[in-house]
Amino acid sequence: MLIEQRTYTLEPGKMRQYLATYEKEGLEIQKRILGHWLGCMVTEIGPLNQVIHLWGFNSFEDRLARRARLTADPTWQSYLAKVAGLAVHQENRILLPAAFWSPPAAAQA
C-alpha cells in the first residue's frame, strides 16, 4: 500500500466553508471512487489554515486509475466548482509505509 497525502492551504477564514462543503458533497464521491480513506485532518499548530487528506492505494497504477475516474466524474466536477478559490496552495506527497507498519483495519477494506 502507498499513501497519498494531499495538503491544502486555505484562504484565512474559509476553513468552515471548505469542510462543510467537503463533508456534504465531496467526501462520499471520493470514498466511492478512491476507496481506502485514511482520514481528513486540520492543522492546529505550525502552518495554519491547512487541511490534510490521506488516501491509501494498492499501487501507483491503482492511484492513477482511481484519480482519473474521480476527475472524470461530473458530480466531482460540480463539487470542485463550489470550492474553487478557497485554497491558495496545494501539496501532494506519496508516502511509502515502513516495513513494520500495517494500515488500520478500516483502511484495508
C-alpha atoms as a PDB file:
ATOM      1  CA  MET A   1       0.000   0.000   0.000  1.00  0.00           C
ATOM      2  CA  LEU A   2       1.061   3.564  -0.624  1.00  0.00           C
ATOM      3  CA  ILE A   3      -0.481   6.645   0.925  1.00  0.00           C
ATOM      4  CA  GLU A   4      -1.200   9.928  -0.772  1.00  0.00           C
ATOM      5  CA  GLN A   5      -1.080  12.982   1.469  1.00  0.00           C
ATOM      6  CA  ARG A   6      -2.838  15.976  -0.068  1.00  0.00           C
ATOM      7  CA  THR A   7      -2.366  19.226   1.857  1.00  0.00           C
ATOM      8  CA  TYR A   8      -4.475  22.254   1.008  1.00  0.00           C
ATOM      9  CA  THR A   9      -3.683  25.678   2.438  1.00  0.00           C
ATOM     10  CA  LEU A  10      -6.913  27.630   2.549  1.00  0.00           C
ATOM     11  CA  GLU A  11      -7.660  31.334   2.488  1.00  0.00           C
ATOM     12  CA  PRO A  12      -7.860  32.556   6.099  1.00  0.00           C
ATOM     13  CA  GLY A  13     -11.448  32.357   7.318  1.00  0.00           C
ATOM     14  CA  LYS A  14     -12.505  29.755   4.725  1.00  0.00           C
ATOM     15  CA  MET A  15     -11.948  26.571   6.765  1.00  0.00           C
ATOM     16  CA  ARG A  16     -15.571  26.129   7.900  1.00  0.00           C
ATOM     17  CA  GLN A  17     -16.914  26.666   4.397  1.00  0.00           C
ATOM     18  CA  TYR A  18     -14.423  24.214   2.887  1.00  0.00           C
ATOM     19  CA  LEU A  19     -15.028  21.488   5.482  1.00  0.00           C
ATOM     20  CA  ALA A  20     -18.821  21.831   5.360  1.00  0.00           C
ATOM     21  CA  THR A  21     -18.882  21.627   1.572  1.00  0.00           C
ATOM     22  CA  TYR A  22     -16.411  18.728   1.552  1.00  0.00           C
ATOM     23  CA  GLU A  23     -18.377  16.764   4.137  1.00  0.00           C
ATOM     24  CA  LYS A  24     -21.696  17.385   2.387  1.00  0.00           C
ATOM     25  CA  GLU A  25     -20.638  16.984  -1.258  1.00  0.00           C
ATOM     26  CA  GLY A  26     -17.049  15.816  -1.731  1.00  0.00           C
ATOM     27  CA  LEU A  27     -16.259  13.066   0.739  1.00  0.00           C
ATOM     28  CA  GLU A  28     -18.755  10.415  -0.380  1.00  0.00           C
ATOM     29  CA  ILE A  29     -17.730  10.783  -4.028  1.00  0.00           C
ATOM     30  CA  GLN A  30     -14.087  10.321  -3.094  1.00  0.00           C
ATOM     31  CA  LYS A  31     -14.806   7.388  -0.799  1.00  0.00           C
ATOM     32  CA  ARG A  32     -16.813   5.689  -3.549  1.00  0.00           C
ATOM     33  CA  ILE A  33     -14.173   6.169  -6.249  1.00  0.00           C
ATOM     34  CA  LEU A  34     -10.866   6.344  -4.385  1.00  0.00           C
ATOM     35  CA  GLY A  35     -11.642   3.900  -1.567  1.00  0.00           C
ATOM     36  CA  HIS A  36      -9.125   3.414   1.271  1.00  0.00           C
ATOM     37  CA  TRP A  37      -9.933   6.658   3.117  1.00  0.00           C
ATOM     38  CA  LEU A  38      -7.435   7.118   5.958  1.00  0.00           C
ATOM     39  CA  GLY A  39      -8.597  10.479   7.226  1.00  0.00           C
ATOM     40  CA  CYS A  40      -9.011  14.207   6.969  1.00  0.00           C
ATOM     41  CA  MET A  41      -7.216  16.434   9.468  1.00  0.00           C
ATOM     42  CA  VAL A  42      -6.749  20.150  10.064  1.00  0.00           C
ATOM     43  CA  THR A  43      -3.699  21.885  11.459  1.00  0.00           C
ATOM     44  CA  GLU A  44      -3.716  23.405  14.927  1.00  0.00           C
ATOM     45  CA  ILE A  45      -0.012  24.196  15.363  1.00  0.00           C
ATOM     46  CA  GLY A  46       2.525  25.069  12.674  1.00  0.00           C
ATOM     47  CA  PRO A  47       1.253  26.298   9.315  1.00  0.00           C
ATOM     48  CA  LEU A  48      -2.400  27.179   9.886  1.00  0.00           C
ATOM     49  CA  ASN A  49      -5.444  27.027   7.614  1.00  0.00           C
ATOM     50  CA  GLN A  50      -4.379  23.632   6.280  1.00  0.00           C
ATOM     51  CA  VAL A  51      -6.491  20.572   5.561  1.00  0.00           C
ATOM     52  CA  ILE A  52      -4.712  17.244   5.084  1.00  0.00           C
ATOM     53  CA  HIS A  53      -6.375  14.334   3.290  1.00  0.00           C
ATOM     54  CA  LEU A  54      -4.878  10.836   3.469  1.00  0.00           C
ATOM     55  CA  TRP A  55      -5.797   8.119   0.949  1.00  0.00           C
ATOM     56  CA  GLY A  56      -4.386   4.608   0.596  1.00  0.00           C
ATOM     57  CA  PHE A  57      -3.828   2.885  -2.737  1.00  0.00           C
ATOM     58  CA  ASN A  58      -2.701  -0.608  -3.650  1.00  0.00           C
ATOM     59  CA  SER A  59      -0.104   0.758  -6.098  1.00  0.00           C
ATOM     60  CA  PHE A  60       0.800   3.886  -8.024  1.00  0.00           C
ATOM     61  CA  GLU A  61      -1.106   2.491 -11.018  1.00  0.00           C
ATOM     62  CA  ASP A  62      -4.181   1.977  -8.808  1.00  0.00           C
ATOM     63  CA  ARG A  63      -3.894   5.614  -7.707  1.00  0.00           C
ATOM     64  CA  LEU A  64      -3.620   6.855 -11.292  1.00  0.00           C
ATOM     65  CA  ALA A  65      -6.682   4.890 -12.411  1.00  0.00           C
ATOM     66  CA  ARG A  66      -8.808   5.962  -9.445  1.00  0.00           C
ATOM     67  CA  ARG A  67      -7.790   9.630  -9.704  1.00  0.00           C
ATOM     68  CA  ALA A  68      -8.644   9.567 -13.437  1.00  0.00           C
ATOM     69  CA  ARG A  69     -12.109   8.163 -12.642  1.00  0.00           C
ATOM     70  CA  LEU A  70     -12.605  10.841  -9.986  1.00  0.00           C
ATOM     71  CA  THR A  71     -11.526  13.648 -12.313  1.00  0.00           C
ATOM     72  CA  ALA A  72     -13.962  12.438 -14.994  1.00  0.00           C
ATOM     73  CA  ASP A  73     -16.935  12.219 -12.608  1.00  0.00           C
ATOM     74  CA  PRO A  74     -19.453  15.061 -13.252  1.00  0.00           C
ATOM     75  CA  THR A  75     -20.539  15.140  -9.604  1.00  0.00           C
ATOM     76  CA  TRP A  76     -16.905  15.672  -8.583  1.00  0.00           C
ATOM     77  CA  GLN A  77     -16.585  18.468 -11.140  1.00  0.00           C
ATOM     78  CA  SER A  78     -19.658  20.127  -9.629  1.00  0.00           C
ATOM     79  CA  TYR A  79     -18.137  19.881  -6.157  1.00  0.00           C
ATOM     80  CA  LEU A  80     -14.834  21.368  -7.369  1.00  0.00           C
ATOM     81  CA  ALA A  81     -16.664  24.395  -8.751  1.00  0.00           C
ATOM     82  CA  LYS A  82     -18.100  25.053  -5.279  1.00  0.00           C
ATOM     83  CA  VAL A  83     -14.709  25.022  -3.523  1.00  0.00           C
ATOM     84  CA  ALA A  84     -12.776  26.773  -6.297  1.00  0.00           C
ATOM     85  CA  GLY A  85     -10.785  29.664  -4.917  1.00  0.00           C
ATOM     86  CA  LEU A  86     -10.848  28.521  -1.279  1.00  0.00           C
ATOM     87  CA  ALA A  87      -7.336  27.017  -1.466  1.00  0.00           C
ATOM     88  CA  VAL A  88      -4.292  29.148  -2.149  1.00  0.00           C
ATOM     89  CA  HIS A  89      -1.765  26.282  -2.251  1.00  0.00           C
ATOM     90  CA  GLN A  90      -1.750  22.520  -2.658  1.00  0.00           C
ATOM     91  CA  GLU A  91       0.993  19.986  -1.960  1.00  0.00           C
ATOM     92  CA  ASN A  92       0.798  16.264  -2.691  1.00  0.00           C
ATOM     93  CA  ARG A  93       3.094  13.573  -1.336  1.00  0.00           C
ATOM     94  CA  ILE A  94       3.277   9.857  -1.942  1.00  0.00           C
ATOM     95  CA  LEU A  95       4.233   8.084   1.278  1.00  0.00           C
ATOM     96  CA  LEU A  96       5.544   4.527   1.401  1.00  0.00           C
ATOM     97  CA  PRO A  97       4.947   2.741   4.693  1.00  0.00           C
ATOM     98  CA  ALA A  98       7.803   1.362   6.742  1.00  0.00           C
ATOM     99  CA  ALA A  99       8.046  -2.439   6.565  1.00  0.00           C
ATOM    100  CA  PHE A 100       6.624  -2.875  10.101  1.00  0.00           C
ATOM    101  CA  TRP A 101       3.545  -0.621   9.632  1.00  0.00           C
ATOM    102  CA  SER A 102       0.154  -2.027   8.775  1.00  0.00           C
ATOM    103  CA  PRO A 103      -2.870   0.143   7.955  1.00  0.00           C
ATOM    104  CA  PRO A 104      -5.845   0.422  10.309  1.00  0.00           C
ATOM    105  CA  ALA A 105      -8.494  -2.234   9.676  1.00  0.00           C
ATOM    106  CA  ALA A 106     -10.894   0.334   8.165  1.00  0.00           C
ATOM    107  CA  ALA A 107      -8.299   1.245   5.535  1.00  0.00           C
ATOM    108  CA  GLN A 108      -7.894  -2.344   4.374  1.00  0.00           C
ATOM    109  CA  ALA A 109     -11.475  -2.635   3.083  1.00  0.00           C
END
